[in-house]
Protein backbone atom coordinates (compact mmCIF):
# COMPACT_ATOMS: atom_id res chain seq x y z
CA LEU A 1 8.69 0.35 21.97
CA VAL A 2 5.02 1.13 21.31
CA ILE A 3 3.40 0.81 17.88
CA VAL A 4 -0.15 1.77 17.00
CA THR A 5 -1.68 0.71 13.68
CA ALA A 6 -4.70 -0.98 12.13
CA ASP A 7 -5.23 -3.59 9.44
CA HIS A 8 -7.82 -1.57 7.50
CA GLY A 9 -9.74 1.67 7.40
CA GLU A 10 -13.51 2.02 7.28
CA GLU A 11 -15.93 2.90 4.51
CA PHE A 12 -18.68 5.37 5.25
CA ARG A 13 -20.31 5.36 1.78
CA GLU A 14 -17.56 7.50 0.19
CA HIS A 15 -17.69 5.13 -2.79
CA ALA A 16 -21.05 3.53 -1.93
CA GLY A 17 -19.37 0.97 0.36
CA GLN A 18 -19.95 0.46 4.04
CA PHE A 19 -17.69 -0.96 6.76
CA HIS A 20 -14.59 -2.50 5.06
CA ALA A 21 -13.22 -5.17 2.72
CA SER A 22 -15.44 -4.26 -0.22
CA GLN A 23 -13.05 -2.02 -2.21
CA LEU A 24 -9.51 -0.62 -2.32
CA TYR A 25 -10.08 3.12 -2.15
CA GLU A 26 -8.07 5.25 0.27
CA GLU A 27 -10.71 5.19 3.02
CA SER A 28 -10.04 1.47 3.40
CA LEU A 29 -6.28 1.48 2.80
CA ARG A 30 -5.00 4.46 4.81
CA VAL A 31 -4.37 3.47 8.41
CA PRO A 32 -2.43 5.05 11.26
CA LEU A 33 1.12 3.90 11.89
CA VAL A 34 2.62 5.44 15.02
CA PHE A 35 5.96 4.53 16.63
CA LEU A 36 7.11 5.63 20.08
CA GLY A 37 10.42 4.51 21.50
CA ARG A 38 13.99 5.34 22.40
CA GLY A 39 15.83 7.11 19.59
CA ILE A 40 12.74 7.65 17.45
CA ARG A 41 12.56 11.29 16.48
CA PRO A 42 9.17 12.99 16.65
CA SER A 43 8.04 13.58 13.07
CA VAL A 44 5.26 13.03 10.59
CA GLN A 45 6.27 11.00 7.55
CA GLU A 46 4.12 11.67 4.50
CA GLN A 47 5.39 8.96 2.16
CA PRO A 48 3.13 5.93 1.81
CA VAL A 49 4.42 2.71 3.34
CA SER A 50 3.06 -0.80 3.66
CA LEU A 51 2.20 -2.90 6.67
CA VAL A 52 4.63 -5.51 5.27
CA ASP A 53 7.26 -2.99 6.42
CA LEU A 54 6.24 -3.43 10.05
CA PHE A 55 8.07 -6.69 10.83
CA PRO A 56 11.46 -5.70 9.33
CA THR A 57 11.12 -2.37 11.16
CA LEU A 58 10.47 -4.12 14.46
CA LEU A 59 13.49 -6.37 13.96
CA ASP A 60 15.76 -3.39 13.27
CA LEU A 61 14.45 -1.25 16.14
CA LEU A 62 14.92 -4.17 18.54
CA GLY A 63 18.37 -5.05 17.15
CA VAL A 64 17.32 -8.51 15.96
CA PRO A 65 19.09 -9.75 12.80
CA HIS A 66 16.98 -10.51 9.72
CA LEU A 67 17.12 -14.19 8.90
CA PRO A 68 17.12 -14.80 5.12
CA GLU A 69 14.81 -17.80 5.54
CA LEU A 70 12.08 -15.45 6.77
CA GLY A 71 11.76 -14.10 3.22
CA LEU A 72 10.75 -10.62 4.38
CA GLN A 73 9.01 -8.61 1.66
CA GLY A 74 8.93 -5.18 3.27
CA ARG A 75 11.67 -2.69 3.99
CA SER A 76 12.67 -1.45 7.40
CA LEU A 77 11.36 1.99 8.27
CA ALA A 78 13.91 2.27 11.10
CA PRO A 79 16.19 4.65 9.15
CA ASP A 80 13.22 6.97 8.55
CA LEU A 81 12.25 6.83 12.23
CA LEU A 82 15.80 7.36 13.48
CA GLY A 83 16.49 10.30 11.16
CA SER A 84 18.51 8.85 8.27
CA PRO A 85 16.12 7.71 5.52
CA PRO A 86 17.75 6.09 2.49
CA PRO A 87 17.39 8.13 -0.71
CA GLY A 88 14.57 7.00 -2.97
CA ALA A 89 13.17 4.51 -0.46
CA ASP A 90 9.63 5.75 -0.99
CA ARG A 91 9.71 5.23 -4.76
CA ARG A 92 8.79 1.54 -4.78
CA PRO A 93 5.29 0.54 -5.85
CA LEU A 94 2.95 -0.50 -3.06
CA PHE A 95 0.29 -3.17 -3.54
CA ALA A 96 -3.00 -4.06 -1.86
CA GLU A 97 -5.55 -6.68 -2.67
CA LEU A 98 -8.93 -8.08 -1.75
CA GLY A 99 -8.58 -11.82 -1.88
CA PRO A 100 -10.61 -14.26 -3.91
CA TRP A 101 -12.78 -14.96 -0.85
CA GLU A 102 -14.25 -11.43 -1.03
CA LYS A 103 -17.40 -10.56 -3.01
CA GLN A 104 -15.41 -8.46 -5.48
CA PRO A 105 -11.75 -9.55 -5.61
CA ALA A 106 -9.52 -6.64 -6.58
CA ALA A 107 -5.92 -5.46 -6.52
CA ALA A 108 -4.42 -1.98 -6.35
CA VAL A 109 -0.98 -0.50 -6.95
CA LEU A 110 0.33 2.89 -5.83
CA GLU A 111 3.21 4.27 -7.87
CA GLU A 112 5.45 7.16 -6.78
CA GLY A 113 3.15 7.83 -3.85
CA ARG A 114 0.46 9.38 -6.05
CA HIS A 115 -0.70 7.36 -9.09
CA LYS A 116 -3.02 4.55 -8.11
CA GLY A 117 -4.49 1.82 -10.27
CA ILE A 118 -7.31 -0.46 -9.15
CA LEU A 119 -8.18 -3.66 -11.02
CA ARG A 120 -11.39 -5.49 -10.20
CA ARG A 121 -10.92 -9.13 -11.03
CA GLY A 122 -13.51 -10.99 -13.00
CA GLY A 123 -14.71 -7.99 -14.99
CA ASP A 124 -11.26 -6.50 -15.67
CA LEU A 125 -12.56 -3.06 -14.74
CA PHE A 126 -9.52 -0.80 -14.29
CA GLU A 127 -9.49 2.62 -12.64
CA LEU A 128 -6.64 5.16 -12.45
CA TYR A 129 -6.36 8.05 -9.99
CA ASP A 130 -3.85 10.80 -9.23
CA LEU A 131 -4.12 11.15 -5.46
CA VAL A 132 -2.41 14.55 -5.30
CA PRO A 133 -5.16 16.62 -6.97
CA ASP A 134 -7.84 13.96 -6.28
CA PRO A 135 -7.34 12.40 -2.81
CA GLY A 136 -11.00 11.32 -2.74
CA GLU A 137 -10.56 9.24 -5.92
CA ARG A 138 -13.46 10.82 -7.79
CA ARG A 139 -11.91 11.32 -11.27
CA ASP A 140 -10.95 8.11 -13.06
CA LEU A 141 -8.08 9.01 -15.44
CA ALA A 142 -7.70 5.64 -17.17
CA ASP A 143 -9.03 6.98 -20.49
CA GLN A 144 -7.07 10.26 -20.31
CA GLU A 145 -3.72 8.65 -19.39
CA PRO A 146 -3.62 5.36 -21.34
CA GLU A 147 0.18 4.88 -21.07
CA ARG A 148 0.21 5.23 -17.28
CA ALA A 149 -2.92 3.07 -17.04
CA ALA A 150 -1.28 0.35 -19.17
CA ARG A 151 1.87 0.42 -17.01
CA LEU A 152 -0.04 0.10 -13.73
CA LEU A 153 -2.35 -2.54 -15.17
CA ALA A 154 0.72 -4.55 -16.25
CA ARG A 155 2.09 -4.33 -12.68
CA LEU A 156 -1.19 -5.67 -11.30
CA ARG A 157 -1.37 -8.46 -13.85
CA ALA A 158 2.23 -9.42 -13.00
CA LEU A 159 1.25 -9.55 -9.31
CA ASP A 160 -1.70 -11.78 -10.20
CA ALA A 161 0.53 -14.08 -12.28
CA TRP A 162 2.95 -14.27 -9.34
CA ARG A 163 0.08 -15.23 -7.04
CA GLN A 164 -1.23 -17.83 -9.50
CA ALA A 165 2.25 -19.39 -9.70
CA GLY A 166 1.91 -20.21 -6.02
CA ARG A 167 4.62 -17.93 -4.67
């Protein structure tokens, strides 16, 4: 089994940033994830996934049982790779964050593979993007779509409360 991935993308001033770990736009979040192994069908999967899915996927592809005490957060991508994806598996929200040790701590949520909210902590600046018509994240829709913005902001604040509770 061979897996190729990365822990972050790179910024080349698309949003005025350089290198990485300064923001949560797609140029920093989108990374390759390639699997090669017995039984894995050649395909390109378009649905967004998370790197927290990597460990449960490895366990399944190697036939190792998941131990409940591991507290795995991701979902196994093995069904997708082996040709039998579960219905609706790509509908869960995906989260990313820049920790408090970064210059500008922030969190992001991606809903339904297209609507993305970014919350910059400290200033409570919130941005909303629809990645289908705007993959470069140039048009902030937070003012035009207040209900969606409020829903995604609530998800990010719940994530922050969960983090603050020490989970």
